[in-house]
């Protein structure tokens, strides 16, 4: 038979129980990604060991460049997390009020 004369493939069968994505496979994927991120951070730190002088408000000191940049990254992540948490709390309050009053209202205008 030629390629044009083949019958179409039957519909794919249901996946077997072990073929579906599980919580454990998701955790395994997250673990591998986390290890790769830690290796990348370690390489970054090892390549940026020169000391720099840091001044922040009333604090000052000398520390490796990579550590200073990582502190800045963590501080930025905390700020983003705080704003996100406040926004989620705001949306939950709006949803709770809407459920109490029995109306379907959208999120508040920003």
PDB file of N, CA and C in Angstrom:
ATOM      1  N   UNK A   1       0.840  -1.196   0.000  1.00  0.00           N
ATOM      2  CA  UNK A   1       0.000   0.000   0.000  1.00  0.00           C
ATOM      3  C   UNK A   1       0.873   1.243   0.000  1.00  0.00           C
ATOM      4  N   UNK A   2       0.405   2.255  -0.651  1.00  0.00           N
ATOM      5  CA  UNK A   2       1.122   3.515  -0.630  1.00  0.00           C
ATOM      6  C   UNK A   2       0.622   4.343   0.534  1.00  0.00           C
ATOM      7  N   UNK A   3       1.322   5.428   0.773  1.00  0.00           N
ATOM      8  CA  UNK A   3       0.940   6.303   1.891  1.00  0.00           C
ATOM      9  C   UNK A   3      -0.465   6.871   1.708  1.00  0.00           C
ATOM     10  N   UNK A   4      -0.853   7.114   0.439  1.00  0.00           N
ATOM     11  CA  UNK A   4      -2.166   7.709   0.183  1.00  0.00           C
ATOM     12  C   UNK A   4      -3.299   6.710   0.420  1.00  0.00           C
ATOM     13  N   UNK A   5      -3.007   5.404   0.319  1.00  0.00           N
ATOM     14  CA  UNK A   5      -4.051   4.400   0.424  1.00  0.00           C
ATOM     15  C   UNK A   5      -4.200   3.856   1.845  1.00  0.00           C
ATOM     16  N   UNK A   6      -3.376   4.283   2.766  1.00  0.00           N
ATOM     17  CA  UNK A   6      -3.481   3.788   4.143  1.00  0.00           C
ATOM     18  C   UNK A   6      -4.763   4.255   4.789  1.00  0.00           C
ATOM     19  N   UNK A   7      -5.239   3.430   5.677  1.00  0.00           N
ATOM     20  CA  UNK A   7      -6.415   3.841   6.440  1.00  0.00           C
ATOM     21  C   UNK A   7      -5.973   4.814   7.525  1.00  0.00           C
ATOM     22  N   UNK A   8      -6.820   5.770   7.875  1.00  0.00           N
ATOM     23  CA  UNK A   8      -6.429   6.702   8.935  1.00  0.00           C
ATOM     24  C   UNK A   8      -6.242   5.946  10.244  1.00  0.00           C
ATOM     25  N   UNK A   9      -5.325   6.444  11.062  1.00  0.00           N
ATOM     26  CA  UNK A   9      -5.081   5.834  12.362  1.00  0.00           C
ATOM     27  C   UNK A   9      -6.336   5.929  13.209  1.00  0.00           C
ATOM     28  N   UNK A  10      -6.627   4.880  13.960  1.00  0.00           N
ATOM     29  CA  UNK A  10      -7.807   4.951  14.830  1.00  0.00           C
ATOM     30  C   UNK A  10      -7.600   6.008  15.903  1.00  0.00           C
ATOM     31  N   UNK A  11      -8.694   6.422  16.506  1.00  0.00           N
ATOM     32  CA  UNK A  11      -8.625   7.435  17.564  1.00  0.00           C
ATOM     33  C   UNK A  11      -7.736   6.913  18.686  1.00  0.00           C
ATOM     34  N   UNK A  12      -6.929   7.784  19.291  1.00  0.00           N
ATOM     35  CA  UNK A  12      -6.038   7.319  20.357  1.00  0.00           C
ATOM     36  C   UNK A  12      -6.846   6.757  21.518  1.00  0.00           C
ATOM     37  N   UNK A  13      -6.352   5.681  22.079  1.00  0.00           N
ATOM     38  CA  UNK A  13      -7.029   5.044  23.209  1.00  0.00           C
ATOM     39  C   UNK A  13      -6.817   5.882  24.467  1.00  0.00           C
ATOM     40  N   UNK A  14      -7.650   5.622  25.447  1.00  0.00           N
ATOM     41  CA  UNK A  14      -7.494   6.302  26.735  1.00  0.00           C
ATOM     42  C   UNK A  14      -6.121   5.975  27.301  1.00  0.00           C
ATOM     43  N   UNK A  15      -5.444   6.960  27.921  1.00  0.00           N
ATOM     44  CA  UNK A  15      -4.134   6.655  28.510  1.00  0.00           C
ATOM     45  C   UNK A  15      -4.279   5.659  29.655  1.00  0.00           C
ATOM     46  N   UNK A  16      -3.271   4.846  29.783  1.00  0.00           N
ATOM     47  CA  UNK A  16      -3.244   3.888  30.885  1.00  0.00           C
ATOM     48  C   UNK A  16      -3.036   4.632  32.190  1.00  0.00           C
ATOM     49  N   UNK A  17      -3.395   4.031  33.328  1.00  0.00           N
ATOM     50  CA  UNK A  17      -3.285   4.743  34.612  1.00  0.00           C
ATOM     51  C   UNK A  17      -1.901   5.322  34.894  1.00  0.00           C
ATOM     52  N   UNK A  18      -0.834   4.633  34.539  1.00  0.00           N
ATOM     53  CA  UNK A  18       0.505   5.141  34.808  1.00  0.00           C
ATOM     54  C   UNK A  18       0.958   6.218  33.848  1.00  0.00           C
ATOM     55  N   UNK A  19       0.215   6.439  32.769  1.00  0.00           N
ATOM     56  CA  UNK A  19       0.624   7.416  31.755  1.00  0.00           C
ATOM     57  C   UNK A  19       0.150   8.830  32.073  1.00  0.00           C
ATOM     58  N   UNK A  20      -0.811   8.957  32.928  1.00  0.00           N
ATOM     59  CA  UNK A  20      -1.315  10.287  33.259  1.00  0.00           C
ATOM     60  C   UNK A  20      -0.327  11.016  34.152  1.00  0.00           C
ATOM     61  N   UNK A  21      -0.388  12.339  34.093  1.00  0.00           N
ATOM     62  CA  UNK A  21       0.483  13.124  34.966  1.00  0.00           C
ATOM     63  C   UNK A  21      -0.042  13.034  36.393  1.00  0.00           C
ATOM     64  N   UNK A  22       0.855  12.769  37.311  1.00  0.00           N
ATOM     65  CA  UNK A  22       0.474  12.636  38.711  1.00  0.00           C
ATOM     66  C   UNK A  22       1.132  13.744  39.521  1.00  0.00           C
ATOM     67  N   UNK A  23       0.753  13.835  40.778  1.00  0.00           N
ATOM     68  CA  UNK A  23       1.383  14.827  41.661  1.00  0.00           C
ATOM     69  C   UNK A  23       2.861  14.517  41.832  1.00  0.00           C
ATOM     70  N   UNK A  24       3.177  13.240  41.897  1.00  0.00           N
ATOM     71  CA  UNK A  24       4.568  12.847  42.069  1.00  0.00           C
ATOM     72  C   UNK A  24       5.401  13.230  40.847  1.00  0.00           C
ATOM     73  N   UNK A  25       4.849  13.055  39.655  1.00  0.00           N
ATOM     74  CA  UNK A  25       5.610  13.442  38.464  1.00  0.00           C
ATOM     75  C   UNK A  25       5.772  14.956  38.402  1.00  0.00           C
ATOM     76  N   UNK A  26       4.768  15.691  38.854  1.00  0.00           N
ATOM     77  CA  UNK A  26       4.895  17.147  38.918  1.00  0.00           C
ATOM     78  C   UNK A  26       5.939  17.571  39.925  1.00  0.00           C
ATOM     79  N   UNK A  27       5.976  16.899  41.072  1.00  0.00           N
ATOM     80  CA  UNK A  27       6.981  17.206  42.093  1.00  0.00           C
ATOM     81  C   UNK A  27       8.379  16.875  41.572  1.00  0.00           C
ATOM     82  N   UNK A  28       8.498  15.768  40.849  1.00  0.00           N
ATOM     83  CA  UNK A  28       9.790  15.374  40.285  1.00  0.00           C
ATOM     84  C   UNK A  28      10.273  16.432  39.286  1.00  0.00           C
ATOM     85  N   UNK A  29       9.384  16.916  38.445  1.00  0.00           N
ATOM     86  CA  UNK A  29       9.736  17.957  37.477  1.00  0.00           C
ATOM     87  C   UNK A  29      10.167  19.228  38.201  1.00  0.00           C
ATOM     88  N   UNK A  30       9.436  19.614  39.227  1.00  0.00           N
ATOM     89  CA  UNK A  30       9.788  20.813  39.997  1.00  0.00           C
ATOM     90  C   UNK A  30      11.141  20.638  40.678  1.00  0.00           C
ATOM     91  N   UNK A  31      11.417  19.450  41.176  1.00  0.00           N
ATOM     92  CA  UNK A  31      12.695  19.183  41.823  1.00  0.00           C
ATOM     93  C   UNK A  31      13.853  19.314  40.837  1.00  0.00           C
ATOM     94  N   UNK A  32      13.693  18.773  39.651  1.00  0.00           N
ATOM     95  CA  UNK A  32      14.747  18.860  38.628  1.00  0.00           C
ATOM     96  C   UNK A  32      14.976  20.313  38.230  1.00  0.00           C
ATOM     97  N   UNK A  33      13.903  21.065  38.026  1.00  0.00           N
ATOM     98  CA  UNK A  33      14.035  22.484  37.670  1.00  0.00           C
ATOM     99  C   UNK A  33      14.701  23.253  38.806  1.00  0.00           C
ATOM    100  N   UNK A  34      14.330  22.944  40.053  1.00  0.00           N
ATOM    101  CA  UNK A  34      14.943  23.606  41.205  1.00  0.00           C
ATOM    102  C   UNK A  34      16.434  23.321  41.306  1.00  0.00           C
ATOM    103  N   UNK A  35      16.830  22.080  41.061  1.00  0.00           N
ATOM    104  CA  UNK A  35      18.254  21.734  41.101  1.00  0.00           C
ATOM    105  C   UNK A  35      19.016  22.464  40.006  1.00  0.00           C
ATOM    106  N   UNK A  36      18.438  22.537  38.805  1.00  0.00           N
ATOM    107  CA  UNK A  36      19.095  23.270  37.722  1.00  0.00           C
ATOM    108  C   UNK A  36      19.236  24.753  38.063  1.00  0.00           C
ATOM    109  N   UNK A  37      18.206  25.332  38.692  1.00  0.00           N
ATOM    110  CA  UNK A  37      18.280  26.741  39.093  1.00  0.00           C
ATOM    111  C   UNK A  37      19.360  26.939  40.150  1.00  0.00           C
ATOM    112  N   UNK A  38      19.468  26.016  41.106  1.00  0.00           N
ATOM    113  CA  UNK A  38      20.499  26.138  42.133  1.00  0.00           C
ATOM    114  C   UNK A  38      21.900  26.029  41.539  1.00  0.00           C
ATOM    115  N   UNK A  39      22.079  25.155  40.565  1.00  0.00           N
ATOM    116  CA  UNK A  39      23.382  25.034  39.904  1.00  0.00           C
ATOM    117  C   UNK A  39      23.717  26.342  39.186  1.00  0.00           C
ATOM    118  N   UNK A  40      22.732  26.917  38.497  1.00  0.00           N
ATOM    119  CA  UNK A  40      22.965  28.188  37.797  1.00  0.00           C
ATOM    120  C   UNK A  40      23.323  29.296  38.793  1.00  0.00           C
ATOM    121  N   UNK A  41      22.639  29.344  39.932  1.00  0.00           N
ATOM    122  CA  UNK A  41      22.945  30.355  40.952  1.00  0.00           C
ATOM    123  C   UNK A  41      24.343  30.144  41.515  1.00  0.00           C
ATOM    124  N   UNK A  42      24.706  28.894  41.766  1.00  0.00           N
ATOM    125  CA  UNK A  42      26.044  28.590  42.275  1.00  0.00           C
ATOM    126  C   UNK A  42      27.127  29.030  41.294  1.00  0.00           C
ATOM    127  N   UNK A  43      26.929  28.758  40.019  1.00  0.00           N
ATOM    128  CA  UNK A  43      27.897  29.198  39.002  1.00  0.00           C
ATOM    129  C   UNK A  43      27.985  30.720  38.996  1.00  0.00           C
ATOM    130  N   UNK A  44      26.828  31.399  39.089  1.00  0.00           N
ATOM    131  CA  UNK A  44      26.802  32.855  39.119  1.00  0.00           C
ATOM    132  C   UNK A  44      27.607  33.388  40.304  1.00  0.00           C
ATOM    133  N   UNK A  45      27.402  32.798  41.475  1.00  0.00           N
ATOM    134  CA  UNK A  45      28.116  33.252  42.676  1.00  0.00           C
ATOM    135  C   UNK A  45      29.613  33.032  42.525  1.00  0.00           C
ATOM    136  N   UNK A  46      29.999  31.853  42.039  1.00  0.00           N
ATOM    137  CA  UNK A  46      31.418  31.544  41.904  1.00  0.00           C
ATOM    138  C   UNK A  46      32.122  32.430  40.880  1.00  0.00           C
ATOM    139  N   UNK A  47      31.389  32.943  39.903  1.00  0.00           N
ATOM    140  CA  UNK A  47      31.993  33.808  38.890  1.00  0.00           C
ATOM    141  C   UNK A  47      32.005  35.277  39.308  1.00  0.00           C
ATOM    142  N   UNK A  48      31.332  35.628  40.391  1.00  0.00           N
ATOM    143  CA  UNK A  48      31.226  37.024  40.822  1.00  0.00           C
ATOM    144  C   UNK A  48      31.594  37.164  42.294  1.00  0.00           C
ATOM    145  N   UNK A  49      32.812  36.792  42.632  1.00  0.00           N
ATOM    146  CA  UNK A  49      33.242  36.818  44.023  1.00  0.00           C
ATOM    147  C   UNK A  49      33.929  38.117  44.443  1.00  0.00           C
ATOM    148  N   UNK A  50      34.175  39.048  43.522  1.00  0.00           N
ATOM    149  CA  UNK A  50      34.858  40.276  43.904  1.00  0.00           C
ATOM    150  C   UNK A  50      33.975  41.079  44.869  1.00  0.00           C
ATOM    151  N   UNK A  51      34.616  41.693  45.871  1.00  0.00           N
ATOM    152  CA  UNK A  51      33.893  42.466  46.875  1.00  0.00           C
ATOM    153  C   UNK A  51      33.484  43.824  46.330  1.00  0.00           C
ATOM    154  N   UNK A  52      32.304  44.270  46.736  1.00  0.00           N
ATOM    155  CA  UNK A  52      31.815  45.605  46.396  1.00  0.00           C
ATOM    156  C   UNK A  52      31.330  46.260  47.679  1.00  0.00           C
ATOM    157  N   UNK A  53      31.359  47.578  47.692  1.00  0.00           N
ATOM    158  CA  UNK A  53      30.861  48.324  48.837  1.00  0.00           C
ATOM    159  C   UNK A  53      29.396  48.659  48.573  1.00  0.00           C
ATOM    160  N   UNK A  54      28.558  48.373  49.559  1.00  0.00           N
ATOM    161  CA  UNK A  54      27.112  48.549  49.404  1.00  0.00           C
ATOM    162  C   UNK A  54      26.620  49.529  50.449  1.00  0.00           C
ATOM    163  N   UNK A  55      25.812  50.514  50.010  1.00  0.00           N
ATOM    164  CA  UNK A  55      25.181  51.484  50.908  1.00  0.00           C
ATOM    165  C   UNK A  55      23.675  51.410  50.683  1.00  0.00           C
ATOM    166  N   UNK A  56      22.931  51.215  51.762  1.00  0.00           N
ATOM    167  CA  UNK A  56      21.465  51.176  51.679  1.00  0.00           C
ATOM    168  C   UNK A  56      20.911  51.836  52.931  1.00  0.00           C
ATOM    169  N   UNK A  57      20.273  52.980  52.738  1.00  0.00           N
ATOM    170  CA  UNK A  57      19.742  53.789  53.830  1.00  0.00           C
ATOM    171  C   UNK A  57      20.845  54.041  54.861  1.00  0.00           C
ATOM    172  N   UNK A  58      20.713  53.510  56.057  1.00  0.00           N
ATOM    173  CA  UNK A  58      21.743  53.758  57.068  1.00  0.00           C
ATOM    174  C   UNK A  58      22.747  52.606  57.149  1.00  0.00           C
ATOM    175  N   UNK A  59      22.548  51.571  56.335  1.00  0.00           N
ATOM    176  CA  UNK A  59      23.416  50.404  56.359  1.00  0.00           C
ATOM    177  C   UNK A  59      24.494  50.520  55.295  1.00  0.00           C
ATOM    178  N   UNK A  60      25.666  50.034  55.605  1.00  0.00           N
ATOM    179  CA  UNK A  60      26.725  49.975  54.616  1.00  0.00           C
ATOM    180  C   UNK A  60      27.658  48.836  54.969  1.00  0.00           C
ATOM    181  N   UNK A  61      28.340  48.349  53.962  1.00  0.00           N
ATOM    182  CA  UNK A  61      29.269  47.251  54.190  1.00  0.00           C
ATOM    183  C   UNK A  61      29.875  46.784  52.892  1.00  0.00           C
ATOM    184  N   UNK A  62      30.692  45.764  52.995  1.00  0.00           N
ATOM    185  CA  UNK A  62      31.357  45.194  51.840  1.00  0.00           C
ATOM    186  C   UNK A  62      31.000  43.716  51.770  1.00  0.00           C
ATOM    187  N   UNK A  63      30.592  43.259  50.605  1.00  0.00           N
ATOM    188  CA  UNK A  63      30.255  41.863  50.413  1.00  0.00           C
ATOM    189  C   UNK A  63      30.436  41.489  48.952  1.00  0.00           C
ATOM    190  N   UNK A  64      30.483  40.198  48.638  1.00  0.00           N
ATOM    191  CA  UNK A  64      30.667  39.789  47.239  1.00  0.00           C
ATOM    192  C   UNK A  64      29.541  40.315  46.346  1.00  0.00           C
ATOM    193  N   UNK A  65      29.897  40.648  45.119  1.00  0.00           N
ATOM    194  CA  UNK A  65      28.934  41.202  44.163  1.00  0.00           C
ATOM    195  C   UNK A  65      27.735  40.283  43.986  1.00  0.00           C
ATOM    196  N   UNK A  66      27.969  38.987  43.834  1.00  0.00           N
ATOM    197  CA  UNK A  66      26.870  38.047  43.606  1.00  0.00           C
ATOM    198  C   UNK A  66      25.901  38.044  44.785  1.00  0.00           C
ATOM    199  N   UNK A  67      26.415  38.103  45.993  1.00  0.00           N
ATOM    200  CA  UNK A  67      25.547  38.110  47.173  1.00  0.00           C
ATOM    201  C   UNK A  67      24.717  39.392  47.200  1.00  0.00           C
ATOM    202  N   UNK A  68      25.330  40.521  46.870  1.00  0.00           N
ATOM    203  CA  UNK A  68      24.589  41.787  46.832  1.00  0.00           C
ATOM    204  C   UNK A  68      23.468  41.730  45.794  1.00  0.00           C
ATOM    205  N   UNK A  69      23.762  41.175  44.627  1.00  0.00           N
ATOM    206  CA  UNK A  69      22.738  41.063  43.585  1.00  0.00           C
ATOM    207  C   UNK A  69      21.636  40.081  43.993  1.00  0.00           C
ATOM    208  N   UNK A  70      22.001  38.994  44.638  1.00  0.00           N
ATOM    209  CA  UNK A  70      20.985  38.046  45.107  1.00  0.00           C
ATOM    210  C   UNK A  70      20.092  38.672  46.175  1.00  0.00           C
ATOM    211  N   UNK A  71      20.679  39.470  47.081  1.00  0.00           N
ATOM    212  CA  UNK A  71      19.860  40.182  48.064  1.00  0.00           C
ATOM    213  C   UNK A  71      18.881  41.124  47.364  1.00  0.00           C
ATOM    214  N   UNK A  72      19.353  41.822  46.340  1.00  0.00           N
ATOM    215  CA  UNK A  72      18.474  42.726  45.594  1.00  0.00           C
ATOM    216  C   UNK A  72      17.351  41.942  44.909  1.00  0.00           C
ATOM    217  N   UNK A  73      17.668  40.779  44.369  1.00  0.00           N
ATOM    218  CA  UNK A  73      16.659  39.955  43.715  1.00  0.00           C
ATOM    219  C   UNK A  73      15.620  39.473  44.726  1.00  0.00           C
ATOM    220  N   UNK A  74      16.076  39.034  45.891  1.00  0.00           N
ATOM    221  CA  UNK A  74      15.152  38.559  46.918  1.00  0.00           C
ATOM    222  C   UNK A  74      14.263  39.705  47.402  1.00  0.00           C
ATOM    223  N   UNK A  75      14.829  40.875  47.599  1.00  0.00           N
ATOM    224  CA  UNK A  75      14.030  42.029  48.011  1.00  0.00           C
ATOM    225  C   UNK A  75      12.973  42.364  46.952  1.00  0.00           C
ATOM    226  N   UNK A  76      13.352  42.316  45.691  1.00  0.00           N
ATOM    227  CA  UNK A  76      12.391  42.553  44.616  1.00  0.00           C
ATOM    228  C   UNK A  76      11.289  41.507  44.602  1.00  0.00           C
ATOM    229  N   UNK A  77      11.645  40.237  44.829  1.00  0.00           N
ATOM    230  CA  UNK A  77      10.645  39.171  44.863  1.00  0.00           C
ATOM    231  C   UNK A  77       9.676  39.362  46.028  1.00  0.00           C
ATOM    232  N   UNK A  78      10.183  39.820  47.168  1.00  0.00           N
ATOM    233  CA  UNK A  78       9.318  40.069  48.326  1.00  0.00           C
ATOM    234  C   UNK A  78       8.329  41.187  48.016  1.00  0.00           C
ATOM    235  N   UNK A  79       8.797  42.231  47.346  1.00  0.00           N
ATOM    236  CA  UNK A  79       7.904  43.341  46.990  1.00  0.00           C
ATOM    237  C   UNK A  79       6.817  42.857  46.028  1.00  0.00           C
ATOM    238  N   UNK A  80       7.189  42.090  45.006  1.00  0.00           N
ATOM    239  CA  UNK A  80       6.208  41.567  44.048  1.00  0.00           C
ATOM    240  C   UNK A  80       5.227  40.646  44.765  1.00  0.00           C
ATOM    241  N   UNK A  81       5.726  39.781  45.649  1.00  0.00           N
ATOM    242  CA  UNK A  81       4.864  38.879  46.403  1.00  0.00           C
ATOM    243  C   UNK A  81       3.870  39.665  47.249  1.00  0.00           C
ATOM    244  N   UNK A  82       4.326  40.720  47.906  1.00  0.00           N
ATOM    245  CA  UNK A  82       3.443  41.518  48.758  1.00  0.00           C
ATOM    246  C   UNK A  82       2.327  42.165  47.947  1.00  0.00           C
ATOM    247  N   UNK A  83       2.676  42.768  46.801  1.00  0.00           N
ATOM    248  CA  UNK A  83       1.645  43.381  45.967  1.00  0.00           C
ATOM    249  C   UNK A  83       0.668  42.333  45.432  1.00  0.00           C
ATOM    250  N   UNK A  84       1.169  41.180  45.037  1.00  0.00           N
ATOM    251  CA  UNK A  84       0.299  40.111  44.553  1.00  0.00           C
ATOM    252  C   UNK A  84      -0.627  39.606  45.640  1.00  0.00           C
ATOM    253  N   UNK A  85      -0.105  39.444  46.853  1.00  0.00           N
ATOM    254  CA  UNK A  85      -0.929  38.968  47.964  1.00  0.00           C
ATOM    255  C   UNK A  85      -2.035  39.963  48.293  1.00  0.00           C
ATOM    256  N   UNK A  86      -1.713  41.249  48.267  1.00  0.00           N
ATOM    257  CA  UNK A  86      -2.733  42.274  48.535  1.00  0.00           C
ATOM    258  C   UNK A  86      -3.807  42.234  47.453  1.00  0.00           C
ATOM    259  N   UNK A  87      -3.412  42.060  46.206  1.00  0.00           N
ATOM    260  CA  UNK A  87      -4.383  42.014  45.105  1.00  0.00           C
ATOM    261  C   UNK A  87      -5.280  40.787  45.221  1.00  0.00           C
ATOM    262  N   UNK A  88      -4.717  39.633  45.565  1.00  0.00           N
ATOM    263  CA  UNK A  88      -5.518  38.420  45.736  1.00  0.00           C
ATOM    264  C   UNK A  88      -6.507  38.599  46.880  1.00  0.00           C
ATOM    265  N   UNK A  89      -6.044  39.182  47.977  1.00  0.00           N
ATOM    266  CA  UNK A  89      -6.935  39.447  49.111  1.00  0.00           C
ATOM    267  C   UNK A  89      -8.074  40.374  48.695  1.00  0.00           C
ATOM    268  N   UNK A  90      -7.757  41.388  47.922  1.00  0.00           N
ATOM    269  CA  UNK A  90      -8.784  42.325  47.450  1.00  0.00           C
ATOM    270  C   UNK A  90      -9.822  41.593  46.590  1.00  0.00           C
ATOM    271  N   UNK A  91      -9.389  40.733  45.689  1.00  0.00           N
ATOM    272  CA  UNK A  91     -10.324  40.001  44.834  1.00  0.00           C
ATOM    273  C   UNK A  91     -11.177  39.029  45.644  1.00  0.00           C
ATOM    274  N   UNK A  92     -10.591  38.400  46.667  1.00  0.00           N
ATOM    275  CA  UNK A  92     -11.368  37.499  47.513  1.00  0.00           C
ATOM    276  C   UNK A  92     -12.453  38.250  48.277  1.00  0.00           C
ATOM    277  N   UNK A  93     -12.129  39.444  48.764  1.00  0.00           N
ATOM    278  CA  UNK A  93     -13.129  40.242  49.474  1.00  0.00           C
ATOM    279  C   UNK A  93     -14.273  40.635  48.548  1.00  0.00           C
ATOM    280  N   UNK A  94     -13.943  41.001  47.313  1.00  0.00           N
ATOM    281  CA  UNK A  94     -14.985  41.359  46.341  1.00  0.00           C
ATOM    282  C   UNK A  94     -15.860  40.146  46.053  1.00  0.00           C
ATOM    283  N   UNK A  95     -15.252  38.968  45.883  1.00  0.00           N
ATOM    284  CA  UNK A  95     -16.026  37.756  45.606  1.00  0.00           C
ATOM    285  C   UNK A  95     -16.916  37.394  46.792  1.00  0.00           C
ATOM    286  N   UNK A  96     -16.400  37.544  48.013  1.00  0.00           N
ATOM    287  CA  UNK A  96     -17.187  37.235  49.207  1.00  0.00           C
ATOM    288  C   UNK A  96     -18.389  38.168  49.298  1.00  0.00           C
ATOM    289  N   UNK A  97     -18.177  39.459  49.048  1.00  0.00           N
ATOM    290  CA  UNK A  97     -19.300  40.411  49.081  1.00  0.00           C
ATOM    291  C   UNK A  97     -20.329  40.066  48.009  1.00  0.00           C
ATOM    292  N   UNK A  98     -19.850  39.673  46.834  1.00  0.00           N
ATOM    293  CA  UNK A  98     -20.774  39.339  45.747  1.00  0.00           C
ATOM    294  C   UNK A  98     -21.593  38.101  46.096  1.00  0.00           C
ATOM    295  N   UNK A  99     -20.973  37.119  46.744  1.00  0.00           N
ATOM    296  CA  UNK A  99     -21.719  35.919  47.147  1.00  0.00           C
ATOM    297  C   UNK A  99     -22.759  36.254  48.206  1.00  0.00           C
ATOM    298  N   UNK A 100     -22.411  37.129  49.129  1.00  0.00           N
ATOM    299  CA  UNK A 100     -23.357  37.517  50.180  1.00  0.00           C
ATOM    300  C   UNK A 100     -24.580  38.217  49.608  1.00  0.00           C
ATOM    301  N   UNK A 101     -24.341  39.084  48.638  1.00  0.00           N
ATOM    302  CA  UNK A 101     -25.433  39.859  48.053  1.00  0.00           C
ATOM    303  C   UNK A 101     -26.085  39.129  46.904  1.00  0.00           C
ATOM    304  N   UNK A 102     -25.555  37.981  46.520  1.00  0.00           N
ATOM    305  CA  UNK A 102     -26.186  37.182  45.477  1.00  0.00           C
ATOM    306  C   UNK A 102     -26.040  37.754  44.088  1.00  0.00           C
ATOM    307  N   UNK A 103     -25.086  38.621  43.883  1.00  0.00           N
ATOM    308  CA  UNK A 103     -24.886  39.202  42.560  1.00  0.00           C
ATOM    309  C   UNK A 103     -23.566  38.718  41.982  1.00  0.00           C
ATOM    310  N   UNK A 104     -23.468  38.750  40.715  1.00  0.00           N
ATOM    311  CA  UNK A 104     -22.221  38.408  40.035  1.00  0.00           C
ATOM    312  C   UNK A 104     -21.593  39.697  39.552  1.00  0.00           C
ATOM    313  N   UNK A 105     -20.648  40.212  40.322  1.00  0.00           N
ATOM    314  CA  UNK A 105     -19.957  41.422  39.911  1.00  0.00           C
ATOM    315  C   UNK A 105     -18.527  41.070  39.574  1.00  0.00           C
ATOM    316  N   UNK A 106     -17.954  41.825  38.661  1.00  0.00           N
ATOM    317  CA  UNK A 106     -16.582  41.594  38.257  1.00  0.00           C
ATOM    318  C   UNK A 106     -15.629  42.183  39.271  1.00  0.00           C
ATOM    319  N   UNK A 107     -14.338  42.038  39.016  1.00  0.00           N
ATOM    320  CA  UNK A 107     -13.341  42.621  39.929  1.00  0.00           C
ATOM    321  C   UNK A 107     -13.422  44.135  39.907  1.00  0.00           C
ATOM    322  N   UNK A 108     -12.990  44.783  40.951  1.00  0.00           N
ATOM    323  CA  UNK A 108     -13.062  46.250  41.006  1.00  0.00           C
ATOM    324  C   UNK A 108     -12.145  46.861  39.951  1.00  0.00           C
ATOM    325  N   UNK A 109     -12.543  48.008  39.470  1.00  0.00           N
ATOM    326  CA  UNK A 109     -11.718  48.719  38.491  1.00  0.00           C
ATOM    327  C   UNK A 109     -10.470  49.208  39.165  1.00  0.00           C
ATOM    328  N   UNK A 110      -9.356  49.062  38.478  1.00  0.00           N
ATOM    329  CA  UNK A 110      -8.071  49.456  39.077  1.00  0.00           C
ATOM    330  C   UNK A 110      -7.870  50.942  39.007  1.00  0.00           C
TER     331      UNK A 110
END
